N, C-alpha and C. Protein backbone atom coordinates (compact mmCIF):
# COMPACT_ATOMS: atom_id res chain seq x y z
N UNK A 1 -30.84 -1.10 24.02
CA UNK A 1 -29.52 -0.75 23.52
C UNK A 1 -29.53 -0.87 21.99
N UNK A 2 -28.93 0.09 21.33
CA UNK A 2 -28.88 0.11 19.88
C UNK A 2 -27.91 -0.95 19.36
N UNK A 3 -28.30 -1.63 18.30
CA UNK A 3 -27.43 -2.58 17.62
C UNK A 3 -26.70 -1.83 16.51
N UNK A 4 -25.42 -1.69 16.64
CA UNK A 4 -24.62 -1.01 15.63
C UNK A 4 -24.14 -2.05 14.64
N UNK A 5 -24.31 -1.77 13.36
CA UNK A 5 -23.91 -2.69 12.31
C UNK A 5 -22.55 -2.25 11.77
N UNK A 6 -21.59 -3.14 11.87
CA UNK A 6 -20.24 -2.88 11.39
C UNK A 6 -20.10 -3.55 10.03
N UNK A 7 -19.60 -2.79 9.06
CA UNK A 7 -19.43 -3.31 7.70
C UNK A 7 -18.05 -2.96 7.19
N UNK A 8 -17.52 -3.84 6.35
CA UNK A 8 -16.28 -3.50 5.67
C UNK A 8 -16.58 -2.30 4.79
N UNK A 9 -15.67 -1.35 4.75
CA UNK A 9 -15.94 -0.07 4.10
C UNK A 9 -14.73 0.35 3.27
N UNK A 10 -14.96 1.13 2.25
CA UNK A 10 -13.88 1.67 1.41
C UNK A 10 -13.31 2.92 2.08
N UNK A 11 -12.05 2.90 2.51
CA UNK A 11 -11.49 4.09 3.15
C UNK A 11 -11.37 5.29 2.21
N UNK A 12 -11.46 5.04 0.91
CA UNK A 12 -11.39 6.14 -0.06
C UNK A 12 -12.72 6.79 -0.36
N UNK A 13 -13.80 6.30 0.24
CA UNK A 13 -15.12 6.89 0.00
C UNK A 13 -15.21 8.27 0.66
N UNK A 14 -16.12 9.08 0.18
CA UNK A 14 -16.29 10.44 0.70
C UNK A 14 -16.58 10.43 2.20
N UNK A 15 -17.47 9.55 2.64
CA UNK A 15 -17.83 9.52 4.06
C UNK A 15 -16.65 9.04 4.92
N UNK A 16 -15.90 8.07 4.41
CA UNK A 16 -14.73 7.60 5.17
C UNK A 16 -13.66 8.67 5.23
N UNK A 17 -13.41 9.34 4.11
CA UNK A 17 -12.37 10.37 4.08
C UNK A 17 -12.64 11.46 5.12
N UNK A 18 -13.90 11.84 5.28
CA UNK A 18 -14.24 12.87 6.26
C UNK A 18 -13.87 12.43 7.68
N UNK A 19 -14.20 11.17 8.03
CA UNK A 19 -13.89 10.68 9.38
C UNK A 19 -12.40 10.44 9.54
N UNK A 20 -11.73 9.96 8.51
CA UNK A 20 -10.28 9.76 8.57
C UNK A 20 -9.58 11.10 8.81
N UNK A 21 -10.02 12.14 8.14
CA UNK A 21 -9.42 13.47 8.34
C UNK A 21 -9.64 13.97 9.76
N UNK A 22 -10.83 13.74 10.32
CA UNK A 22 -11.07 14.14 11.72
C UNK A 22 -10.17 13.35 12.66
N UNK A 23 -9.99 12.06 12.37
CA UNK A 23 -9.12 11.22 13.19
C UNK A 23 -7.68 11.71 13.14
N UNK A 24 -7.20 11.98 11.94
CA UNK A 24 -5.82 12.48 11.80
C UNK A 24 -5.65 13.82 12.48
N UNK A 25 -6.64 14.71 12.36
CA UNK A 25 -6.56 16.02 13.02
C UNK A 25 -6.52 15.84 14.54
N UNK A 26 -7.32 14.93 15.07
CA UNK A 26 -7.31 14.64 16.51
C UNK A 26 -5.93 14.14 16.94
N UNK A 27 -5.38 13.19 16.19
CA UNK A 27 -4.07 12.62 16.54
C UNK A 27 -2.99 13.70 16.50
N UNK A 28 -3.01 14.53 15.48
CA UNK A 28 -2.00 15.58 15.34
C UNK A 28 -2.14 16.67 16.39
N UNK A 29 -3.37 16.93 16.83
CA UNK A 29 -3.59 17.95 17.84
C UNK A 29 -3.19 17.49 19.24
N UNK A 30 -3.15 16.17 19.44
CA UNK A 30 -2.91 15.64 20.78
C UNK A 30 -1.61 14.86 20.93
N UNK A 31 -0.80 14.77 19.89
CA UNK A 31 0.47 14.03 19.94
C UNK A 31 1.54 14.81 19.20
N UNK A 32 2.78 14.73 19.67
CA UNK A 32 3.85 15.34 18.89
C UNK A 32 4.02 14.59 17.56
N UNK A 33 4.50 15.25 16.53
CA UNK A 33 4.57 14.64 15.19
C UNK A 33 5.25 13.27 15.16
N UNK A 34 6.30 13.09 15.93
CA UNK A 34 7.02 11.82 15.90
C UNK A 34 6.23 10.67 16.53
N UNK A 35 5.15 10.99 17.23
CA UNK A 35 4.34 9.96 17.87
C UNK A 35 2.91 9.89 17.32
N UNK A 36 2.70 10.41 16.12
CA UNK A 36 1.42 10.23 15.44
C UNK A 36 1.57 8.99 14.56
N UNK A 37 0.90 7.93 14.97
CA UNK A 37 1.01 6.65 14.25
C UNK A 37 -0.29 6.28 13.53
N UNK A 38 -1.19 7.24 13.40
CA UNK A 38 -2.46 7.01 12.70
C UNK A 38 -2.18 6.81 11.21
N UNK A 39 -2.93 5.91 10.60
CA UNK A 39 -2.76 5.62 9.18
C UNK A 39 -3.55 6.61 8.34
N UNK A 40 -2.95 7.06 7.23
CA UNK A 40 -3.69 7.89 6.28
C UNK A 40 -4.46 6.99 5.32
N UNK A 41 -5.23 7.58 4.41
CA UNK A 41 -6.11 6.79 3.55
C UNK A 41 -5.32 5.81 2.68
N UNK A 42 -4.17 6.20 2.18
CA UNK A 42 -3.37 5.30 1.35
C UNK A 42 -2.94 4.08 2.15
N UNK A 43 -2.51 4.29 3.39
CA UNK A 43 -2.10 3.16 4.24
C UNK A 43 -3.30 2.29 4.62
N UNK A 44 -4.47 2.91 4.80
CA UNK A 44 -5.67 2.15 5.13
C UNK A 44 -6.17 1.31 3.96
N UNK A 45 -5.69 1.62 2.76
CA UNK A 45 -6.04 0.84 1.57
C UNK A 45 -5.02 -0.25 1.28
N UNK A 46 -4.03 -0.42 2.15
CA UNK A 46 -3.00 -1.43 1.96
C UNK A 46 -3.56 -2.84 1.98
N UNK A 47 -2.85 -3.73 1.33
CA UNK A 47 -3.30 -5.14 1.24
C UNK A 47 -3.39 -5.82 2.60
N UNK A 48 -2.58 -5.38 3.56
CA UNK A 48 -2.56 -6.02 4.87
C UNK A 48 -3.53 -5.37 5.86
N UNK A 49 -4.37 -4.43 5.38
CA UNK A 49 -5.29 -3.70 6.24
C UNK A 49 -6.73 -3.92 5.76
N UNK A 50 -7.64 -4.18 6.71
CA UNK A 50 -9.06 -4.24 6.41
C UNK A 50 -9.74 -3.14 7.20
N UNK A 51 -10.49 -2.30 6.51
CA UNK A 51 -11.11 -1.11 7.09
C UNK A 51 -12.61 -1.35 7.27
N UNK A 52 -13.12 -0.97 8.44
CA UNK A 52 -14.52 -1.16 8.76
C UNK A 52 -15.14 0.15 9.22
N UNK A 53 -16.45 0.27 9.04
CA UNK A 53 -17.15 1.47 9.47
C UNK A 53 -18.52 1.14 10.04
N UNK A 54 -19.02 2.08 10.83
CA UNK A 54 -20.39 2.04 11.35
C UNK A 54 -21.06 3.33 10.90
N UNK A 55 -22.24 3.18 10.31
CA UNK A 55 -22.98 4.34 9.79
C UNK A 55 -24.14 4.71 10.72
N UNK A 56 -24.47 5.98 10.67
CA UNK A 56 -25.71 6.49 11.24
C UNK A 56 -26.36 7.24 10.08
N UNK A 57 -27.26 6.58 9.39
CA UNK A 57 -27.80 7.14 8.15
C UNK A 57 -26.71 7.14 7.09
N UNK A 58 -26.48 8.28 6.48
CA UNK A 58 -25.45 8.40 5.45
C UNK A 58 -24.07 8.73 6.00
N UNK A 59 -24.00 9.02 7.30
CA UNK A 59 -22.74 9.45 7.90
C UNK A 59 -21.99 8.27 8.53
N UNK A 60 -20.69 8.20 8.27
CA UNK A 60 -19.84 7.23 8.95
C UNK A 60 -19.51 7.82 10.32
N UNK A 61 -19.91 7.13 11.40
CA UNK A 61 -19.72 7.68 12.74
C UNK A 61 -18.63 6.97 13.53
N UNK A 62 -18.15 5.84 13.00
CA UNK A 62 -17.09 5.12 13.69
C UNK A 62 -16.30 4.35 12.64
N UNK A 63 -15.00 4.26 12.88
CA UNK A 63 -14.15 3.48 11.98
C UNK A 63 -13.13 2.72 12.81
N UNK A 64 -12.62 1.68 12.20
CA UNK A 64 -11.56 0.89 12.81
C UNK A 64 -10.97 0.01 11.73
N UNK A 65 -9.73 -0.38 11.92
CA UNK A 65 -9.07 -1.21 10.93
C UNK A 65 -8.29 -2.31 11.66
N UNK A 66 -8.10 -3.39 10.94
CA UNK A 66 -7.31 -4.51 11.44
C UNK A 66 -6.17 -4.74 10.46
N UNK A 67 -4.96 -4.61 10.94
CA UNK A 67 -3.77 -4.80 10.12
C UNK A 67 -3.13 -6.13 10.49
N UNK A 68 -2.82 -6.93 9.48
CA UNK A 68 -2.14 -8.20 9.73
C UNK A 68 -0.64 -7.94 9.85
N UNK A 69 -0.07 -8.29 11.00
CA UNK A 69 1.37 -8.16 11.20
C UNK A 69 2.09 -9.44 10.79
N UNK A 70 1.50 -10.58 11.14
CA UNK A 70 1.97 -11.88 10.67
C UNK A 70 0.78 -12.83 10.78
N UNK A 71 0.97 -14.10 10.49
CA UNK A 71 -0.19 -15.01 10.44
C UNK A 71 -0.92 -15.15 11.76
N UNK A 72 -0.27 -14.85 12.88
CA UNK A 72 -0.91 -15.00 14.17
C UNK A 72 -1.07 -13.72 14.97
N UNK A 73 -0.75 -12.58 14.36
CA UNK A 73 -0.73 -11.33 15.12
C UNK A 73 -1.34 -10.21 14.27
N UNK A 74 -2.37 -9.56 14.82
CA UNK A 74 -3.00 -8.43 14.17
C UNK A 74 -2.85 -7.18 15.01
N UNK A 75 -3.05 -6.04 14.36
CA UNK A 75 -2.96 -4.76 15.06
C UNK A 75 -4.24 -3.97 14.80
N UNK A 76 -4.82 -3.43 15.87
CA UNK A 76 -5.95 -2.51 15.76
C UNK A 76 -5.39 -1.16 15.35
N UNK A 77 -5.95 -0.59 14.29
CA UNK A 77 -5.51 0.71 13.78
C UNK A 77 -6.72 1.62 13.56
N UNK A 78 -6.49 2.90 13.67
CA UNK A 78 -7.44 3.94 13.24
C UNK A 78 -8.82 3.81 13.86
N UNK A 79 -8.87 3.43 15.13
CA UNK A 79 -10.16 3.41 15.84
C UNK A 79 -10.53 4.87 16.13
N UNK A 80 -11.72 5.26 15.70
CA UNK A 80 -12.18 6.63 15.95
C UNK A 80 -13.70 6.67 15.87
N UNK A 81 -14.30 7.33 16.84
CA UNK A 81 -15.74 7.55 16.86
C UNK A 81 -15.97 9.05 16.77
N UNK A 82 -16.89 9.45 15.90
CA UNK A 82 -17.22 10.87 15.74
C UNK A 82 -17.62 11.45 17.09
N UNK A 83 -17.16 12.65 17.36
CA UNK A 83 -17.32 13.26 18.67
C UNK A 83 -18.78 13.30 19.14
N UNK A 84 -19.71 13.63 18.28
CA UNK A 84 -21.10 13.75 18.67
C UNK A 84 -21.80 12.44 18.97
N UNK A 85 -21.15 11.32 18.68
CA UNK A 85 -21.78 10.01 18.93
C UNK A 85 -21.04 9.18 19.97
N UNK A 86 -20.09 9.77 20.64
CA UNK A 86 -19.33 9.04 21.66
C UNK A 86 -20.18 8.76 22.89
N UNK A 87 -19.81 7.71 23.61
CA UNK A 87 -20.51 7.37 24.84
C UNK A 87 -21.78 6.57 24.63
N UNK A 88 -21.99 6.03 23.42
CA UNK A 88 -23.21 5.27 23.12
C UNK A 88 -22.91 3.81 22.78
N UNK A 89 -21.68 3.37 23.00
CA UNK A 89 -21.33 1.98 22.76
C UNK A 89 -20.85 1.69 21.34
N UNK A 90 -20.71 2.72 20.53
CA UNK A 90 -20.30 2.51 19.14
C UNK A 90 -18.85 2.02 19.08
N UNK A 91 -17.97 2.64 19.83
CA UNK A 91 -16.56 2.22 19.83
C UNK A 91 -16.41 0.79 20.31
N UNK A 92 -17.17 0.40 21.33
CA UNK A 92 -17.10 -0.97 21.84
C UNK A 92 -17.60 -1.95 20.79
N UNK A 93 -18.66 -1.56 20.05
CA UNK A 93 -19.16 -2.42 18.98
C UNK A 93 -18.09 -2.63 17.91
N UNK A 94 -17.37 -1.57 17.57
CA UNK A 94 -16.31 -1.69 16.57
C UNK A 94 -15.19 -2.58 17.10
N UNK A 95 -14.76 -2.35 18.34
CA UNK A 95 -13.69 -3.15 18.90
C UNK A 95 -14.09 -4.62 18.96
N UNK A 96 -15.30 -4.91 19.40
CA UNK A 96 -15.77 -6.30 19.45
C UNK A 96 -15.75 -6.93 18.06
N UNK A 97 -16.14 -6.16 17.05
CA UNK A 97 -16.12 -6.68 15.67
C UNK A 97 -14.70 -6.98 15.22
N UNK A 98 -13.78 -6.06 15.48
CA UNK A 98 -12.38 -6.27 15.07
C UNK A 98 -11.80 -7.51 15.75
N UNK A 99 -12.13 -7.71 17.02
CA UNK A 99 -11.63 -8.89 17.73
C UNK A 99 -12.26 -10.16 17.17
N UNK A 100 -13.53 -10.10 16.79
CA UNK A 100 -14.18 -11.27 16.19
C UNK A 100 -13.52 -11.61 14.85
N UNK A 101 -13.21 -10.61 14.04
CA UNK A 101 -12.53 -10.85 12.77
C UNK A 101 -11.15 -11.45 13.03
N UNK A 102 -10.44 -10.93 14.02
CA UNK A 102 -9.11 -11.47 14.35
C UNK A 102 -9.21 -12.94 14.73
N UNK A 103 -10.22 -13.31 15.49
CA UNK A 103 -10.40 -14.72 15.88
C UNK A 103 -10.69 -15.59 14.67
N UNK A 104 -11.56 -15.11 13.78
CA UNK A 104 -11.89 -15.86 12.57
C UNK A 104 -10.64 -16.07 11.72
N UNK A 105 -9.77 -15.09 11.68
CA UNK A 105 -8.53 -15.19 10.91
C UNK A 105 -7.49 -16.08 11.58
N UNK A 106 -7.75 -16.48 12.80
CA UNK A 106 -6.83 -17.35 13.50
C UNK A 106 -5.70 -16.63 14.22
N UNK A 107 -5.84 -15.32 14.42
CA UNK A 107 -4.80 -14.59 15.15
C UNK A 107 -4.76 -15.09 16.60
N UNK A 108 -3.59 -15.20 17.13
CA UNK A 108 -3.42 -15.58 18.53
C UNK A 108 -3.30 -14.35 19.43
N UNK A 109 -2.98 -13.20 18.80
CA UNK A 109 -2.77 -11.99 19.57
C UNK A 109 -3.16 -10.79 18.74
N UNK A 110 -3.71 -9.78 19.40
CA UNK A 110 -4.02 -8.50 18.78
C UNK A 110 -3.40 -7.41 19.65
N UNK A 111 -2.70 -6.49 19.00
CA UNK A 111 -2.01 -5.42 19.73
C UNK A 111 -2.44 -4.07 19.18
N UNK A 112 -2.05 -3.01 19.89
CA UNK A 112 -2.36 -1.66 19.45
C UNK A 112 -1.41 -0.68 20.12
N UNK A 113 -1.39 0.52 19.57
CA UNK A 113 -0.65 1.64 20.15
C UNK A 113 -1.63 2.78 20.27
N UNK A 114 -1.59 3.50 21.40
CA UNK A 114 -2.40 4.69 21.55
C UNK A 114 -1.64 5.69 22.41
N UNK A 115 -2.17 6.88 22.52
CA UNK A 115 -1.47 7.93 23.25
C UNK A 115 -1.63 7.83 24.75
N UNK A 116 -0.70 8.47 25.46
CA UNK A 116 -0.73 8.51 26.92
C UNK A 116 -1.37 9.80 27.44
N UNK A 117 -1.63 10.75 26.55
CA UNK A 117 -2.18 12.03 26.96
C UNK A 117 -3.65 11.88 27.38
N UNK A 118 -4.16 12.87 28.11
CA UNK A 118 -5.52 12.82 28.64
C UNK A 118 -6.57 12.60 27.54
N UNK A 119 -6.36 13.15 26.37
CA UNK A 119 -7.32 13.00 25.27
C UNK A 119 -7.53 11.54 24.87
N UNK A 120 -6.54 10.70 25.16
CA UNK A 120 -6.61 9.28 24.80
C UNK A 120 -7.10 8.40 25.95
N UNK A 121 -7.42 8.98 27.10
CA UNK A 121 -7.87 8.20 28.25
C UNK A 121 -9.11 7.35 27.95
N UNK A 122 -10.12 7.89 27.24
CA UNK A 122 -11.27 7.02 26.93
C UNK A 122 -10.88 5.80 26.10
N UNK A 123 -9.97 5.97 25.16
CA UNK A 123 -9.51 4.83 24.34
C UNK A 123 -8.80 3.80 25.22
N UNK A 124 -7.90 4.27 26.07
CA UNK A 124 -7.18 3.34 26.95
C UNK A 124 -8.16 2.59 27.85
N UNK A 125 -9.18 3.28 28.34
CA UNK A 125 -10.19 2.64 29.18
C UNK A 125 -10.98 1.59 28.42
N UNK A 126 -11.34 1.90 27.18
CA UNK A 126 -12.06 0.93 26.34
C UNK A 126 -11.23 -0.32 26.13
N UNK A 127 -9.96 -0.14 25.78
CA UNK A 127 -9.10 -1.29 25.52
C UNK A 127 -8.86 -2.11 26.79
N UNK A 128 -8.64 -1.44 27.91
CA UNK A 128 -8.43 -2.16 29.17
C UNK A 128 -9.69 -2.95 29.56
N UNK A 129 -10.86 -2.35 29.36
CA UNK A 129 -12.12 -3.03 29.69
C UNK A 129 -12.32 -4.28 28.82
N UNK A 130 -11.72 -4.27 27.63
CA UNK A 130 -11.83 -5.43 26.73
C UNK A 130 -10.77 -6.48 27.02
N UNK A 131 -9.89 -6.21 27.99
CA UNK A 131 -8.88 -7.19 28.37
C UNK A 131 -7.47 -6.92 27.88
N UNK A 132 -7.26 -5.82 27.15
CA UNK A 132 -5.91 -5.49 26.70
C UNK A 132 -5.05 -5.10 27.90
N UNK A 133 -3.78 -5.47 27.84
CA UNK A 133 -2.82 -5.13 28.89
C UNK A 133 -1.62 -4.45 28.24
N UNK A 134 -0.95 -3.64 29.03
CA UNK A 134 0.23 -2.93 28.54
C UNK A 134 1.32 -3.94 28.19
N UNK A 135 2.02 -3.67 27.09
CA UNK A 135 3.08 -4.56 26.62
C UNK A 135 4.23 -3.72 26.08
N UNK A 136 5.36 -4.33 25.80
CA UNK A 136 6.46 -3.59 25.18
C UNK A 136 6.10 -3.19 23.75
N UNK A 137 6.82 -2.23 23.19
CA UNK A 137 6.59 -1.86 21.79
C UNK A 137 6.73 -3.09 20.89
N UNK A 138 5.99 -3.11 19.79
CA UNK A 138 5.97 -4.24 18.86
C UNK A 138 6.07 -3.70 17.45
N UNK A 139 6.38 -4.55 16.51
CA UNK A 139 6.36 -4.28 15.08
C UNK A 139 6.99 -2.94 14.69
N UNK A 140 8.15 -2.64 15.23
CA UNK A 140 8.88 -1.44 14.82
C UNK A 140 8.55 -0.19 15.61
N UNK A 141 7.56 -0.23 16.51
CA UNK A 141 7.31 0.93 17.37
C UNK A 141 8.50 1.09 18.31
N UNK A 142 8.70 2.29 18.79
CA UNK A 142 9.75 2.55 19.77
C UNK A 142 9.10 3.01 21.07
N UNK A 143 9.80 2.83 22.15
CA UNK A 143 9.30 3.31 23.43
C UNK A 143 9.23 4.83 23.41
N UNK A 144 8.17 5.39 23.98
CA UNK A 144 7.98 6.83 24.04
C UNK A 144 7.08 7.15 25.21
N UNK A 145 7.32 8.28 25.86
CA UNK A 145 6.44 8.70 26.95
C UNK A 145 5.06 9.08 26.43
N UNK A 146 4.93 9.28 25.12
CA UNK A 146 3.66 9.68 24.52
C UNK A 146 2.83 8.51 24.02
N UNK A 147 3.36 7.30 24.10
CA UNK A 147 2.67 6.13 23.57
C UNK A 147 2.58 5.04 24.62
N UNK A 148 1.48 4.30 24.54
CA UNK A 148 1.34 3.08 25.31
C UNK A 148 1.00 1.97 24.31
N UNK A 149 1.62 0.83 24.50
CA UNK A 149 1.38 -0.33 23.64
C UNK A 149 0.61 -1.34 24.48
N UNK A 150 -0.42 -1.93 23.86
CA UNK A 150 -1.27 -2.86 24.58
C UNK A 150 -1.49 -4.09 23.72
N UNK A 151 -1.76 -5.22 24.37
CA UNK A 151 -1.99 -6.45 23.63
C UNK A 151 -3.06 -7.29 24.32
N UNK A 152 -3.67 -8.15 23.54
CA UNK A 152 -4.67 -9.08 24.04
C UNK A 152 -4.38 -10.44 23.43
N UNK A 153 -4.17 -11.43 24.29
CA UNK A 153 -3.98 -12.81 23.82
C UNK A 153 -5.37 -13.38 23.55
N UNK A 154 -5.55 -13.94 22.37
CA UNK A 154 -6.83 -14.52 22.00
C UNK A 154 -6.78 -16.01 22.24
N UNK A 155 -7.77 -16.54 22.96
CA UNK A 155 -7.82 -17.97 23.20
C UNK A 155 -8.05 -18.74 21.92
N UNK A 156 -7.52 -19.93 21.84
CA UNK A 156 -7.68 -20.73 20.63
C UNK A 156 -9.02 -21.44 20.57
N UNK A 157 -9.72 -21.52 21.70
CA UNK A 157 -10.98 -22.26 21.70
C UNK A 157 -12.20 -21.36 21.94
N UNK A 158 -12.02 -20.04 21.89
CA UNK A 158 -13.16 -19.17 22.21
C UNK A 158 -13.70 -18.42 20.99
N UNK A 159 -13.36 -18.85 19.81
CA UNK A 159 -13.87 -18.19 18.62
C UNK A 159 -14.24 -19.20 17.57
N UNK A 160 -14.81 -18.72 16.47
CA UNK A 160 -15.18 -19.62 15.39
C UNK A 160 -13.94 -20.21 14.74
N UNK A 161 -14.11 -21.24 13.93
CA UNK A 161 -12.95 -21.84 13.27
C UNK A 161 -12.24 -20.86 12.36
N UNK A 162 -10.92 -21.02 12.20
CA UNK A 162 -10.16 -20.08 11.37
C UNK A 162 -10.71 -20.03 9.95
N UNK A 163 -10.68 -18.84 9.41
CA UNK A 163 -11.10 -18.54 8.05
C UNK A 163 -10.66 -17.13 7.74
N UNK A 164 -11.15 -16.57 6.70
CA UNK A 164 -10.75 -15.20 6.38
C UNK A 164 -11.95 -14.47 5.78
N UNK A 165 -12.64 -13.65 6.62
CA UNK A 165 -13.82 -12.93 6.11
C UNK A 165 -13.42 -11.89 5.08
């Protein structure tokens, strides 16, 4: 099995911008405008967001971000794997990394929003396999037939001591 290396990445870099644009195009093609909650590059550069990437050579093939909602709650944002590299464990490597960072930061819970349409089924399956469960809308999201909100309670004794990578 390939070891994918996840690194903090600049969302404004050329390689990140290309993947961010593909992610936004995917979200816009598969969700009505009012239910596209993907972050653009400016939002991904926010102080409360940490952006990560996985490279294959010079190409960024996977991205994900962790947004701090409050001192104990983080949100997974902008998870996307390039179409040609899906099904190889890259998305799971990114998700595992984001959860590890959340634990190091001392978050007690990590939540996310994703689509209910068929195009989002692989994402929902990935999150469910990692232990996420459906929850009510959080942090200003509203209920919608096009969105599902999921959360994962993080144990206090199953991660490294709190810090901030």
